[in-house]
Amino acid sequence: MKIKRSLYFTFGIIFLSLGTIGILIPLLPTTPFVILAAFCFGKSSKKAEQWILKSKYFGSYIENYRNKVGVPIRIKIRSIIFLWVVLIISMIYTHNPLTFIILLIVGIAVTCHIYFLKTKKRD
């Protein structure tokens, strides 16, 4: 059982790292990785699970997912703005038309995905 718990803990760290990178790179999804990390921590270490659930940065992702209440509108707006700022900066420095088109398509797809996520009602 100790090996299994160690594997879950290791995967929890990997998923949390990917989720953290996803905050900075719009093409990498944050929420699924953070939720997977919470699941892995729950299977490996109650202390790690409590840490991620109480985390200032990740706790709300997990709470919103578990309770199926949706994403706050301010998070949606900030996510879309951040996405397009990073994509536009990338487009400016890209001299390849194909890369420009791919970034544009990805930006539109991610924007639509964020837009259609359930919006959390105010408390």
PDB file of N, CA and C in Angstrom:
ATOM      1  N   MET A   1       0.821  -1.209   0.000  1.00  0.00           N
ATOM      2  CA  MET A   1       0.000   0.000   0.000  1.00  0.00           C
ATOM      3  C   MET A   1       0.855   1.259   0.000  1.00  0.00           C
ATOM      4  N   LYS A   2       2.034   1.176   0.604  1.00  0.00           N
ATOM      5  CA  LYS A   2       2.894   2.349   0.669  1.00  0.00           C
ATOM      6  C   LYS A   2       3.353   2.779  -0.729  1.00  0.00           C
ATOM      7  N   ILE A   3       3.618   1.819  -1.611  1.00  0.00           N
ATOM      8  CA  ILE A   3       4.025   2.141  -2.985  1.00  0.00           C
ATOM      9  C   ILE A   3       2.882   2.829  -3.719  1.00  0.00           C
ATOM     10  N   LYS A   4       1.675   2.324  -3.534  1.00  0.00           N
ATOM     11  CA  LYS A   4       0.500   2.909  -4.179  1.00  0.00           C
ATOM     12  C   LYS A   4       0.293   4.364  -3.723  1.00  0.00           C
ATOM     13  N   ARG A   5       0.410   4.585  -2.428  1.00  0.00           N
ATOM     14  CA  ARG A   5       0.250   5.949  -1.895  1.00  0.00           C
ATOM     15  C   ARG A   5       1.348   6.865  -2.425  1.00  0.00           C
ATOM     16  N   SER A   6       2.572   6.335  -2.510  1.00  0.00           N
ATOM     17  CA  SER A   6       3.688   7.135  -3.046  1.00  0.00           C
ATOM     18  C   SER A   6       3.460   7.495  -4.504  1.00  0.00           C
ATOM     19  N   LEU A   7       2.927   6.547  -5.272  1.00  0.00           N
ATOM     20  CA  LEU A   7       2.624   6.830  -6.682  1.00  0.00           C
ATOM     21  C   LEU A   7       1.540   7.900  -6.806  1.00  0.00           C
ATOM     22  N   TYR A   8       0.480   7.769  -6.014  1.00  0.00           N
ATOM     23  CA  TYR A   8      -0.580   8.787  -6.034  1.00  0.00           C
ATOM     24  C   TYR A   8      -0.018  10.164  -5.658  1.00  0.00           C
ATOM     25  N   PHE A   9       0.818  10.197  -4.644  1.00  0.00           N
ATOM     26  CA  PHE A   9       1.399  11.467  -4.214  1.00  0.00           C
ATOM     27  C   PHE A   9       2.275  12.064  -5.316  1.00  0.00           C
ATOM     28  N   THR A  10       3.074  11.224  -5.953  1.00  0.00           N
ATOM     29  CA  THR A  10       3.937  11.686  -7.053  1.00  0.00           C
ATOM     30  C   THR A  10       3.099  12.229  -8.203  1.00  0.00           C
ATOM     31  N   PHE A  11       2.060  11.497  -8.578  1.00  0.00           N
ATOM     32  CA  PHE A  11       1.188  11.987  -9.643  1.00  0.00           C
ATOM     33  C   PHE A  11       0.475  13.267  -9.224  1.00  0.00           C
ATOM     34  N   GLY A  12       0.121  13.380  -7.954  1.00  0.00           N
ATOM     35  CA  GLY A  12      -0.486  14.615  -7.462  1.00  0.00           C
ATOM     36  C   GLY A  12       0.431  15.809  -7.670  1.00  0.00           C
ATOM     37  N   ILE A  13       1.697  15.629  -7.356  1.00  0.00           N
ATOM     38  CA  ILE A  13       2.675  16.710  -7.552  1.00  0.00           C
ATOM     39  C   ILE A  13       2.830  17.039  -9.041  1.00  0.00           C
ATOM     40  N   ILE A  14       2.883  16.001  -9.872  1.00  0.00           N
ATOM     41  CA  ILE A  14       3.016  16.219 -11.321  1.00  0.00           C
ATOM     42  C   ILE A  14       1.807  16.983 -11.855  1.00  0.00           C
ATOM     43  N   PHE A  15       0.598  16.542 -11.488  1.00  0.00           N
ATOM     44  CA  PHE A  15      -0.613  17.212 -11.973  1.00  0.00           C
ATOM     45  C   PHE A  15      -0.713  18.647 -11.450  1.00  0.00           C
ATOM     46  N   LEU A  16      -0.340  18.849 -10.203  1.00  0.00           N
ATOM     47  CA  LEU A  16      -0.368  20.206  -9.652  1.00  0.00           C
ATOM     48  C   LEU A  16       0.640  21.101 -10.375  1.00  0.00           C
ATOM     49  N   SER A  17       1.797  20.552 -10.689  1.00  0.00           N
ATOM     50  CA  SER A  17       2.808  21.318 -11.437  1.00  0.00           C
ATOM     51  C   SER A  17       2.285  21.696 -12.815  1.00  0.00           C
ATOM     52  N   LEU A  18       1.656  20.739 -13.501  1.00  0.00           N
ATOM     53  CA  LEU A  18       1.088  21.033 -14.818  1.00  0.00           C
ATOM     54  C   LEU A  18      -0.023  22.082 -14.712  1.00  0.00           C
ATOM     55  N   GLY A  19      -0.841  21.983 -13.674  1.00  0.00           N
ATOM     56  CA  GLY A  19      -1.890  22.981 -13.466  1.00  0.00           C
ATOM     57  C   GLY A  19      -1.316  24.363 -13.210  1.00  0.00           C
ATOM     58  N   THR A  20      -0.231  24.418 -12.462  1.00  0.00           N
ATOM     59  CA  THR A  20       0.422  25.700 -12.185  1.00  0.00           C
ATOM     60  C   THR A  20       1.001  26.286 -13.467  1.00  0.00           C
ATOM     61  N   ILE A  21       1.625  25.453 -14.271  1.00  0.00           N
ATOM     62  CA  ILE A  21       2.150  25.916 -15.559  1.00  0.00           C
ATOM     63  C   ILE A  21       0.998  26.396 -16.442  1.00  0.00           C
ATOM     64  N   GLY A  22      -0.148  25.717 -16.334  1.00  0.00           N
ATOM     65  CA  GLY A  22      -1.324  26.095 -17.116  1.00  0.00           C
ATOM     66  C   GLY A  22      -1.838  27.489 -16.804  1.00  0.00           C
ATOM     67  N   ILE A  23      -1.518  28.005 -15.626  1.00  0.00           N
ATOM     68  CA  ILE A  23      -1.911  29.379 -15.290  1.00  0.00           C
ATOM     69  C   ILE A  23      -1.158  30.356 -16.202  1.00  0.00           C
ATOM     70  N   LEU A  24       0.079  30.015 -16.505  1.00  0.00           N
ATOM     71  CA  LEU A  24       0.930  30.902 -17.299  1.00  0.00           C
ATOM     72  C   LEU A  24       0.849  30.642 -18.796  1.00  0.00           C
ATOM     73  N   ILE A  25       0.499  29.427 -19.175  1.00  0.00           N
ATOM     74  CA  ILE A  25       0.423  29.061 -20.590  1.00  0.00           C
ATOM     75  C   ILE A  25      -1.030  28.760 -20.930  1.00  0.00           C
ATOM     76  N   PRO A  26      -1.680  29.620 -21.690  1.00  0.00           N
ATOM     77  CA  PRO A  26      -3.111  29.471 -21.951  1.00  0.00           C
ATOM     78  C   PRO A  26      -3.501  28.169 -22.657  1.00  0.00           C
ATOM     79  N   LEU A  27      -2.573  27.520 -23.323  1.00  0.00           N
ATOM     80  CA  LEU A  27      -2.927  26.307 -24.053  1.00  0.00           C
ATOM     81  C   LEU A  27      -2.984  25.077 -23.154  1.00  0.00           C
ATOM     82  N   LEU A  28      -2.506  25.196 -21.932  1.00  0.00           N
ATOM     83  CA  LEU A  28      -2.487  24.082 -20.994  1.00  0.00           C
ATOM     84  C   LEU A  28      -3.594  24.310 -19.958  1.00  0.00           C
ATOM     85  N   PRO A  29      -4.558  23.384 -19.871  1.00  0.00           N
ATOM     86  CA  PRO A  29      -5.695  23.615 -18.968  1.00  0.00           C
ATOM     87  C   PRO A  29      -5.311  23.481 -17.492  1.00  0.00           C
ATOM     88  N   THR A  30      -5.689  24.448 -16.699  1.00  0.00           N
ATOM     89  CA  THR A  30      -5.354  24.441 -15.277  1.00  0.00           C
ATOM     90  C   THR A  30      -6.301  23.554 -14.476  1.00  0.00           C
ATOM     91  N   THR A  31      -7.584  23.784 -14.622  1.00  0.00           N
ATOM     92  CA  THR A  31      -8.577  23.149 -13.759  1.00  0.00           C
ATOM     93  C   THR A  31      -8.522  21.619 -13.763  1.00  0.00           C
ATOM     94  N   PRO A  32      -8.490  20.948 -14.935  1.00  0.00           N
ATOM     95  CA  PRO A  32      -8.454  19.483 -14.880  1.00  0.00           C
ATOM     96  C   PRO A  32      -7.231  18.942 -14.141  1.00  0.00           C
ATOM     97  N   PHE A  33      -6.087  19.591 -14.311  1.00  0.00           N
ATOM     98  CA  PHE A  33      -4.884  19.123 -13.631  1.00  0.00           C
ATOM     99  C   PHE A  33      -4.972  19.334 -12.123  1.00  0.00           C
ATOM    100  N   VAL A  34      -5.539  20.444 -11.710  1.00  0.00           N
ATOM    101  CA  VAL A  34      -5.683  20.714 -10.270  1.00  0.00           C
ATOM    102  C   VAL A  34      -6.673  19.729  -9.648  1.00  0.00           C
ATOM    103  N   ILE A  35      -7.745  19.428 -10.345  1.00  0.00           N
ATOM    104  CA  ILE A  35      -8.723  18.461  -9.840  1.00  0.00           C
ATOM    105  C   ILE A  35      -8.099  17.069  -9.747  1.00  0.00           C
ATOM    106  N   LEU A  36      -7.324  16.681 -10.763  1.00  0.00           N
ATOM    107  CA  LEU A  36      -6.620  15.403 -10.710  1.00  0.00           C
ATOM    108  C   LEU A  36      -5.626  15.364  -9.548  1.00  0.00           C
ATOM    109  N   ALA A  37      -4.935  16.475  -9.325  1.00  0.00           N
ATOM    110  CA  ALA A  37      -3.985  16.545  -8.206  1.00  0.00           C
ATOM    111  C   ALA A  37      -4.721  16.352  -6.884  1.00  0.00           C
ATOM    112  N   ALA A  38      -5.864  17.006  -6.726  1.00  0.00           N
ATOM    113  CA  ALA A  38      -6.638  16.864  -5.489  1.00  0.00           C
ATOM    114  C   ALA A  38      -7.077  15.411  -5.293  1.00  0.00           C
ATOM    115  N   PHE A  39      -7.495  14.763  -6.373  1.00  0.00           N
ATOM    116  CA  PHE A  39      -7.883  13.358  -6.296  1.00  0.00           C
ATOM    117  C   PHE A  39      -6.701  12.497  -5.842  1.00  0.00           C
ATOM    118  N   CYS A  40      -5.560  12.709  -6.475  1.00  0.00           N
ATOM    119  CA  CYS A  40      -4.355  11.928  -6.121  1.00  0.00           C
ATOM    120  C   CYS A  40      -3.912  12.189  -4.684  1.00  0.00           C
ATOM    121  N   PHE A  41      -3.969  13.447  -4.270  1.00  0.00           N
ATOM    122  CA  PHE A  41      -3.595  13.760  -2.889  1.00  0.00           C
ATOM    123  C   PHE A  41      -4.578  13.120  -1.909  1.00  0.00           C
ATOM    124  N   GLY A  42      -5.852  13.070  -2.280  1.00  0.00           N
ATOM    125  CA  GLY A  42      -6.861  12.435  -1.436  1.00  0.00           C
ATOM    126  C   GLY A  42      -6.596  10.949  -1.252  1.00  0.00           C
ATOM    127  N   LYS A  43      -6.016  10.313  -2.252  1.00  0.00           N
ATOM    128  CA  LYS A  43      -5.694   8.884  -2.182  1.00  0.00           C
ATOM    129  C   LYS A  43      -4.360   8.618  -1.489  1.00  0.00           C
ATOM    130  N   SER A  44      -3.535   9.672  -1.337  1.00  0.00           N
ATOM    131  CA  SER A  44      -2.198   9.425  -0.810  1.00  0.00           C
ATOM    132  C   SER A  44      -1.938  10.048   0.558  1.00  0.00           C
ATOM    133  N   SER A  45      -2.421  11.279   0.756  1.00  0.00           N
ATOM    134  CA  SER A  45      -2.068  11.998   1.974  1.00  0.00           C
ATOM    135  C   SER A  45      -3.175  12.979   2.344  1.00  0.00           C
ATOM    136  N   LYS A  46      -3.787  12.752   3.494  1.00  0.00           N
ATOM    137  CA  LYS A  46      -4.846  13.670   3.954  1.00  0.00           C
ATOM    138  C   LYS A  46      -4.284  15.076   4.188  1.00  0.00           C
ATOM    139  N   LYS A  47      -3.039  15.150   4.610  1.00  0.00           N
ATOM    140  CA  LYS A  47      -2.397  16.451   4.838  1.00  0.00           C
ATOM    141  C   LYS A  47      -2.248  17.214   3.512  1.00  0.00           C
ATOM    142  N   ALA A  48      -1.801  16.527   2.470  1.00  0.00           N
ATOM    143  CA  ALA A  48      -1.658  17.162   1.155  1.00  0.00           C
ATOM    144  C   ALA A  48      -3.025  17.532   0.587  1.00  0.00           C
ATOM    145  N   GLU A  49      -4.018  16.672   0.805  1.00  0.00           N
ATOM    146  CA  GLU A  49      -5.367  16.962   0.325  1.00  0.00           C
ATOM    147  C   GLU A  49      -5.913  18.229   0.993  1.00  0.00           C
ATOM    148  N   GLN A  50      -5.751  18.330   2.314  1.00  0.00           N
ATOM    149  CA  GLN A  50      -6.221  19.515   3.025  1.00  0.00           C
ATOM    150  C   GLN A  50      -5.471  20.766   2.579  1.00  0.00           C
ATOM    151  N   TRP A  51      -4.176  20.620   2.302  1.00  0.00           N
ATOM    152  CA  TRP A  51      -3.377  21.752   1.839  1.00  0.00           C
ATOM    153  C   TRP A  51      -3.921  22.292   0.518  1.00  0.00           C
ATOM    154  N   ILE A  52      -4.194  21.408  -0.446  1.00  0.00           N
ATOM    155  CA  ILE A  52      -4.666  21.883  -1.752  1.00  0.00           C
ATOM    156  C   ILE A  52      -6.096  22.418  -1.659  1.00  0.00           C
ATOM    157  N   LEU A  53      -6.923  21.815  -0.793  1.00  0.00           N
ATOM    158  CA  LEU A  53      -8.294  22.297  -0.638  1.00  0.00           C
ATOM    159  C   LEU A  53      -8.337  23.682   0.001  1.00  0.00           C
ATOM    160  N   LYS A  54      -7.382  23.988   0.863  1.00  0.00           N
ATOM    161  CA  LYS A  54      -7.341  25.286   1.535  1.00  0.00           C
ATOM    162  C   LYS A  54      -6.451  26.296   0.819  1.00  0.00           C
ATOM    163  N   SER A  55      -5.857  25.875  -0.288  1.00  0.00           N
ATOM    164  CA  SER A  55      -4.955  26.738  -1.038  1.00  0.00           C
ATOM    165  C   SER A  55      -5.680  27.974  -1.562  1.00  0.00           C
ATOM    166  N   LYS A  56      -5.052  29.109  -1.386  1.00  0.00           N
ATOM    167  CA  LYS A  56      -5.605  30.379  -1.859  1.00  0.00           C
ATOM    168  C   LYS A  56      -5.823  30.357  -3.366  1.00  0.00           C
ATOM    169  N   TYR A  57      -4.922  29.698  -4.080  1.00  0.00           N
ATOM    170  CA  TYR A  57      -4.965  29.722  -5.538  1.00  0.00           C
ATOM    171  C   TYR A  57      -5.762  28.572  -6.141  1.00  0.00           C
ATOM    172  N   PHE A  58      -5.745  27.409  -5.527  1.00  0.00           N
ATOM    173  CA  PHE A  58      -6.365  26.237  -6.141  1.00  0.00           C
ATOM    174  C   PHE A  58      -7.625  25.754  -5.443  1.00  0.00           C
ATOM    175  N   GLY A  59      -7.845  26.155  -4.208  1.00  0.00           N
ATOM    176  CA  GLY A  59      -8.993  25.673  -3.450  1.00  0.00           C
ATOM    177  C   GLY A  59     -10.325  25.962  -4.121  1.00  0.00           C
ATOM    178  N   SER A  60     -10.459  27.145  -4.707  1.00  0.00           N
ATOM    179  CA  SER A  60     -11.735  27.503  -5.336  1.00  0.00           C
ATOM    180  C   SER A  60     -12.017  26.665  -6.579  1.00  0.00           C
ATOM    181  N   TYR A  61     -10.971  26.294  -7.327  1.00  0.00           N
ATOM    182  CA  TYR A  61     -11.169  25.432  -8.501  1.00  0.00           C
ATOM    183  C   TYR A  61     -11.835  24.123  -8.079  1.00  0.00           C
ATOM    184  N   ILE A  62     -11.287  23.528  -7.029  1.00  0.00           N
ATOM    185  CA  ILE A  62     -11.775  22.232  -6.572  1.00  0.00           C
ATOM    186  C   ILE A  62     -13.159  22.370  -5.956  1.00  0.00           C
ATOM    187  N   GLU A  63     -13.346  23.394  -5.155  1.00  0.00           N
ATOM    188  CA  GLU A  63     -14.638  23.625  -4.507  1.00  0.00           C
ATOM    189  C   GLU A  63     -15.748  23.839  -5.546  1.00  0.00           C
ATOM    190  N   ASN A  64     -15.469  24.662  -6.538  1.00  0.00           N
ATOM    191  CA  ASN A  64     -16.461  24.917  -7.589  1.00  0.00           C
ATOM    192  C   ASN A  64     -16.786  23.642  -8.361  1.00  0.00           C
ATOM    193  N   TYR A  65     -15.783  22.817  -8.598  1.00  0.00           N
ATOM    194  CA  TYR A  65     -15.999  21.565  -9.322  1.00  0.00           C
ATOM    195  C   TYR A  65     -16.809  20.582  -8.484  1.00  0.00           C
ATOM    196  N   ARG A  66     -16.419  20.409  -7.238  1.00  0.00           N
ATOM    197  CA  ARG A  66     -17.107  19.445  -6.373  1.00  0.00           C
ATOM    198  C   ARG A  66     -18.567  19.814  -6.142  1.00  0.00           C
ATOM    199  N   ASN A  67     -18.836  21.090  -5.986  1.00  0.00           N
ATOM    200  CA  ASN A  67     -20.200  21.534  -5.701  1.00  0.00           C
ATOM    201  C   ASN A  67     -21.004  21.875  -6.949  1.00  0.00           C
ATOM    202  N   LYS A  68     -20.369  21.801  -8.108  1.00  0.00           N
ATOM    203  CA  LYS A  68     -21.017  22.078  -9.403  1.00  0.00           C
ATOM    204  C   LYS A  68     -21.733  23.423  -9.406  1.00  0.00           C
ATOM    205  N   VAL A  69     -21.045  24.438  -8.866  1.00  0.00           N
ATOM    206  CA  VAL A  69     -21.654  25.769  -8.797  1.00  0.00           C
ATOM    207  C   VAL A  69     -21.210  26.674  -9.944  1.00  0.00           C
ATOM    208  N   GLY A  70     -20.185  26.293 -10.669  1.00  0.00           N
ATOM    209  CA  GLY A  70     -19.737  27.088 -11.800  1.00  0.00           C
ATOM    210  C   GLY A  70     -18.530  27.942 -11.481  1.00  0.00           C
ATOM    211  N   VAL A  71     -18.145  28.714 -12.485  1.00  0.00           N
ATOM    212  CA  VAL A  71     -16.959  29.570 -12.396  1.00  0.00           C
ATOM    213  C   VAL A  71     -17.422  31.014 -12.199  1.00  0.00           C
ATOM    214  N   PRO A  72     -16.851  31.730 -11.239  1.00  0.00           N
ATOM    215  CA  PRO A  72     -17.234  33.134 -11.048  1.00  0.00           C
ATOM    216  C   PRO A  72     -16.975  33.953 -12.325  1.00  0.00           C
ATOM    217  N   ILE A  73     -17.850  34.887 -12.605  1.00  0.00           N
ATOM    218  CA  ILE A  73     -17.752  35.690 -13.823  1.00  0.00           C
ATOM    219  C   ILE A  73     -16.427  36.452 -13.886  1.00  0.00           C
ATOM    220  N   ARG A  74     -15.930  36.919 -12.750  1.00  0.00           N
ATOM    221  CA  ARG A  74     -14.668  37.667 -12.759  1.00  0.00           C
ATOM    222  C   ARG A  74     -13.502  36.779 -13.190  1.00  0.00           C
ATOM    223  N   ILE A  75     -13.550  35.496 -12.819  1.00  0.00           N
ATOM    224  CA  ILE A  75     -12.510  34.549 -13.237  1.00  0.00           C
ATOM    225  C   ILE A  75     -12.614  34.307 -14.736  1.00  0.00           C
ATOM    226  N   LYS A  76     -13.832  34.193 -15.234  1.00  0.00           N
ATOM    227  CA  LYS A  76     -14.018  34.007 -16.674  1.00  0.00           C
ATOM    228  C   LYS A  76     -13.443  35.194 -17.446  1.00  0.00           C
ATOM    229  N   ILE A  77     -13.774  36.392 -17.002  1.00  0.00           N
ATOM    230  CA  ILE A  77     -13.312  37.597 -17.694  1.00  0.00           C
ATOM    231  C   ILE A  77     -11.787  37.696 -17.634  1.00  0.00           C
ATOM    232  N   ARG A  78     -11.217  37.495 -16.450  1.00  0.00           N
ATOM    233  CA  ARG A  78      -9.750  37.556 -16.325  1.00  0.00           C
ATOM    234  C   ARG A  78      -9.067  36.494 -17.177  1.00  0.00           C
ATOM    235  N   SER A  79      -9.651  35.306 -17.221  1.00  0.00           N
ATOM    236  CA  SER A  79      -9.061  34.221 -18.007  1.00  0.00           C
ATOM    237  C   SER A  79      -9.046  34.561 -19.488  1.00  0.00           C
ATOM    238  N   ILE A  80     -10.156  35.094 -19.979  1.00  0.00           N
ATOM    239  CA  ILE A  80     -10.234  35.446 -21.403  1.00  0.00           C
ATOM    240  C   ILE A  80      -9.285  36.587 -21.732  1.00  0.00           C
ATOM    241  N   ILE A  81      -9.222  37.592 -20.867  1.00  0.00           N
ATOM    242  CA  ILE A  81      -8.301  38.712 -21.102  1.00  0.00           C
ATOM    243  C   ILE A  81      -6.858  38.219 -21.110  1.00  0.00           C
ATOM    244  N   PHE A  82      -6.482  37.424 -20.115  1.00  0.00           N
ATOM    245  CA  PHE A  82      -5.121  36.912 -20.033  1.00  0.00           C
ATOM    246  C   PHE A  82      -4.796  36.051 -21.250  1.00  0.00           C
ATOM    247  N   LEU A  83      -5.736  35.196 -21.639  1.00  0.00           N
ATOM    248  CA  LEU A  83      -5.557  34.349 -22.815  1.00  0.00           C
ATOM    249  C   LEU A  83      -5.214  35.187 -24.039  1.00  0.00           C
ATOM    250  N   TRP A  84      -6.019  36.219 -24.307  1.00  0.00           N
ATOM    251  CA  TRP A  84      -5.817  37.006 -25.513  1.00  0.00           C
ATOM    252  C   TRP A  84      -4.583  37.900 -25.439  1.00  0.00           C
ATOM    253  N   VAL A  85      -4.233  38.378 -24.265  1.00  0.00           N
ATOM    254  CA  VAL A  85      -2.998  39.166 -24.134  1.00  0.00           C
ATOM    255  C   VAL A  85      -1.796  38.303 -24.510  1.00  0.00           C
ATOM    256  N   VAL A  86      -1.744  37.088 -23.948  1.00  0.00           N
ATOM    257  CA  VAL A  86      -0.619  36.195 -24.242  1.00  0.00           C
ATOM    258  C   VAL A  86      -0.636  35.771 -25.711  1.00  0.00           C
ATOM    259  N   LEU A  87      -1.810  35.461 -26.241  1.00  0.00           N
ATOM    260  CA  LEU A  87      -1.889  35.055 -27.645  1.00  0.00           C
ATOM    261  C   LEU A  87      -1.500  36.187 -28.588  1.00  0.00           C
ATOM    262  N   ILE A  88      -1.936  37.388 -28.303  1.00  0.00           N
ATOM    263  CA  ILE A  88      -1.600  38.532 -29.165  1.00  0.00           C
ATOM    264  C   ILE A  88      -0.100  38.813 -29.116  1.00  0.00           C
ATOM    265  N   ILE A  89       0.478  38.727 -27.938  1.00  0.00           N
ATOM    266  CA  ILE A  89       1.940  38.899 -27.838  1.00  0.00           C
ATOM    267  C   ILE A  89       2.640  37.821 -28.663  1.00  0.00           C
ATOM    268  N   SER A  90       2.167  36.587 -28.563  1.00  0.00           N
ATOM    269  CA  SER A  90       2.751  35.493 -29.351  1.00  0.00           C
ATOM    270  C   SER A  90       2.572  35.746 -30.848  1.00  0.00           C
ATOM    271  N   MET A  91       1.408  36.250 -31.235  1.00  0.00           N
ATOM    272  CA  MET A  91       1.144  36.521 -32.651  1.00  0.00           C
ATOM    273  C   MET A  91       2.053  37.619 -33.192  1.00  0.00           C
ATOM    274  N   ILE A  92       2.330  38.616 -32.356  1.00  0.00           N
ATOM    275  CA  ILE A  92       3.192  39.730 -32.781  1.00  0.00           C
ATOM    276  C   ILE A  92       4.594  39.215 -33.084  1.00  0.00           C
ATOM    277  N   TYR A  93       5.073  38.294 -32.257  1.00  0.00           N
ATOM    278  CA  TYR A  93       6.430  37.782 -32.431  1.00  0.00           C
ATOM    279  C   TYR A  93       6.516  36.607 -33.405  1.00  0.00           C
ATOM    280  N   THR A  94       5.365  36.155 -33.884  1.00  0.00           N
ATOM    281  CA  THR A  94       5.348  35.035 -34.830  1.00  0.00           C
ATOM    282  C   THR A  94       5.420  35.572 -36.246  1.00  0.00           C
ATOM    283  N   HIS A  95       6.323  35.021 -36.983  1.00  0.00           N
ATOM    284  CA  HIS A  95       6.450  35.447 -38.380  1.00  0.00           C
ATOM    285  C   HIS A  95       5.978  34.356 -39.328  1.00  0.00           C
ATOM    286  N   ASN A  96       5.340  33.345 -38.758  1.00  0.00           N
ATOM    287  CA  ASN A  96       4.839  32.234 -39.548  1.00  0.00           C
ATOM    288  C   ASN A  96       3.317  32.340 -39.622  1.00  0.00           C
ATOM    289  N   PRO A  97       2.754  32.517 -40.827  1.00  0.00           N
ATOM    290  CA  PRO A  97       1.296  32.655 -40.957  1.00  0.00           C
ATOM    291  C   PRO A  97       0.516  31.450 -40.415  1.00  0.00           C
ATOM    292  N   LEU A  98       1.061  30.247 -40.569  1.00  0.00           N
ATOM    293  CA  LEU A  98       0.370  29.061 -40.069  1.00  0.00           C
ATOM    294  C   LEU A  98       0.276  29.093 -38.544  1.00  0.00           C
ATOM    295  N   THR A  99       1.339  29.469 -37.880  1.00  0.00           N
ATOM    296  CA  THR A  99       1.328  29.581 -36.411  1.00  0.00           C
ATOM    297  C   THR A  99       0.321  30.634 -35.975  1.00  0.00           C
ATOM    298  N   PHE A 100       0.280  31.752 -36.680  1.00  0.00           N
ATOM    299  CA  PHE A 100      -0.681  32.820 -36.392  1.00  0.00           C
ATOM    300  C   PHE A 100      -2.109  32.272 -36.469  1.00  0.00           C
ATOM    301  N   ILE A 101      -2.413  31.536 -37.523  1.00  0.00           N
ATOM    302  CA  ILE A 101      -3.760  30.980 -37.718  1.00  0.00           C
ATOM    303  C   ILE A 101      -4.085  29.968 -36.615  1.00  0.00           C
ATOM    304  N   ILE A 102      -3.116  29.126 -36.267  1.00  0.00           N
ATOM    305  CA  ILE A 102      -3.346  28.133 -35.204  1.00  0.00           C
ATOM    306  C   ILE A 102      -3.619  28.834 -33.874  1.00  0.00           C
ATOM    307  N   LEU A 103      -2.842  29.859 -33.545  1.00  0.00           N
ATOM    308  CA  LEU A 103      -3.063  30.608 -32.305  1.00  0.00           C
ATOM    309  C   LEU A 103      -4.441  31.265 -32.300  1.00  0.00           C
ATOM    310  N   LEU A 104      -4.848  31.785 -33.434  1.00  0.00           N
ATOM    311  CA  LEU A 104      -6.162  32.416 -33.543  1.00  0.00           C
ATOM    312  C   LEU A 104      -7.278  31.393 -33.320  1.00  0.00           C
ATOM    313  N   ILE A 105      -7.158  30.237 -33.934  1.00  0.00           N
ATOM    314  CA  ILE A 105      -8.173  29.183 -33.778  1.00  0.00           C
ATOM    315  C   ILE A 105      -8.223  28.693 -32.333  1.00  0.00           C
ATOM    316  N   VAL A 106      -7.055  28.464 -31.751  1.00  0.00           N
ATOM    317  CA  VAL A 106      -7.007  28.024 -30.352  1.00  0.00           C
ATOM    318  C   VAL A 106      -7.625  29.084 -29.442  1.00  0.00           C
ATOM    319  N   GLY A 107      -7.306  30.348 -29.681  1.00  0.00           N
ATOM    320  CA  GLY A 107      -7.861  31.439 -28.881  1.00  0.00           C
ATOM    321  C   GLY A 107      -9.379  31.485 -28.950  1.00  0.00           C
ATOM    322  N   ILE A 108      -9.916  31.327 -30.144  1.00  0.00           N
ATOM    323  CA  ILE A 108     -11.372  31.337 -30.315  1.00  0.00           C
ATOM    324  C   ILE A 108     -11.999  30.130 -29.612  1.00  0.00           C
ATOM    325  N   ALA A 109     -11.382  28.957 -29.780  1.00  0.00           N
ATOM    326  CA  ALA A 109     -11.923  27.737 -29.160  1.00  0.00           C
ATOM    327  C   ALA A 109     -11.904  27.827 -27.632  1.00  0.00           C
ATOM    328  N   VAL A 110     -10.783  28.288 -27.066  1.00  0.00           N
ATOM    329  CA  VAL A 110     -10.681  28.389 -25.604  1.00  0.00           C
ATOM    330  C   VAL A 110     -11.636  29.457 -25.075  1.00  0.00           C
ATOM    331  N   THR A 111     -11.763  30.560 -25.799  1.00  0.00           N
ATOM    332  CA  THR A 111     -12.714  31.607 -25.396  1.00  0.00           C
ATOM    333  C   THR A 111     -14.135  31.050 -25.366  1.00  0.00           C
ATOM    334  N   CYS A 112     -14.516  30.295 -26.395  1.00  0.00           N
ATOM    335  CA  CYS A 112     -15.851  29.691 -26.422  1.00  0.00           C
ATOM    336  C   CYS A 112     -16.027  28.716 -25.264  1.00  0.00           C
ATOM    337  N   HIS A 113     -14.999  27.923 -24.991  1.00  0.00           N
ATOM    338  CA  HIS A 113     -15.074  26.970 -23.882  1.00  0.00           C
ATOM    339  C   HIS A 113     -15.300  27.694 -22.555  1.00  0.00           C
ATOM    340  N   ILE A 114     -14.534  28.722 -22.306  1.00  0.00           N
ATOM    341  CA  ILE A 114     -14.675  29.483 -21.058  1.00  0.00           C
ATOM    342  C   ILE A 114     -16.053  30.145 -20.995  1.00  0.00           C
ATOM    343  N   TYR A 115     -16.490  30.708 -22.111  1.00  0.00           N
ATOM    344  CA  TYR A 115     -17.787  31.383 -22.155  1.00  0.00           C
ATOM    345  C   TYR A 115     -18.934  30.426 -21.804  1.00  0.00           C
ATOM    346  N   PHE A 116     -18.861  29.201 -22.323  1.00  0.00           N
ATOM    347  CA  PHE A 116     -19.961  28.255 -22.117  1.00  0.00           C
ATOM    348  C   PHE A 116     -19.881  27.476 -20.810  1.00  0.00           C
ATOM    349  N   LEU A 117     -18.823  27.672 -20.033  1.00  0.00           N
ATOM    350  CA  LEU A 117     -18.794  27.062 -18.707  1.00  0.00           C
ATOM    351  C   LEU A 117     -19.909  27.675 -17.856  1.00  0.00           C
ATOM    352  N   LYS A 118     -20.462  26.877 -16.984  1.00  0.00           N
ATOM    353  CA  LYS A 118     -21.515  27.376 -16.092  1.00  0.00           C
ATOM    354  C   LYS A 118     -20.951  28.528 -15.261  1.00  0.00           C
ATOM    355  N   THR A 119     -21.706  29.601 -15.174  1.00  0.00           N
ATOM    356  CA  THR A 119     -21.286  30.765 -14.396  1.00  0.00           C
ATOM    357  C   THR A 119     -21.845  30.660 -12.984  1.00  0.00           C
ATOM    358  N   LYS A 120     -20.967  30.861 -12.024  1.00  0.00           N
ATOM    359  CA  LYS A 120     -21.360  30.782 -10.615  1.00  0.00           C
ATOM    360  C   LYS A 120     -22.256  31.968 -10.274  1.00  0.00           C
ATOM    361  N   LYS A 121     -23.376  31.662  -9.647  1.00  0.00           N
ATOM    362  CA  LYS A 121     -24.278  32.725  -9.203  1.00  0.00           C
ATOM    363  C   LYS A 121     -23.700  33.364  -7.956  1.00  0.00           C
ATOM    364  N   ARG A 122     -23.994  34.626  -7.763  1.00  0.00           N
ATOM    365  CA  ARG A 122     -23.503  35.326  -6.574  1.00  0.00           C
ATOM    366  C   ARG A 122     -24.128  34.758  -5.319  1.00  0.00           C
ATOM    367  N   ASP A 123     -23.360  34.814  -4.240  1.00  0.00           N
ATOM    368  CA  ASP A 123     -23.862  34.289  -2.954  1.00  0.00           C
ATOM    369  C   ASP A 123     -24.804  35.279  -2.302  1.00  0.00           C
TER     370      ASP A 123
END
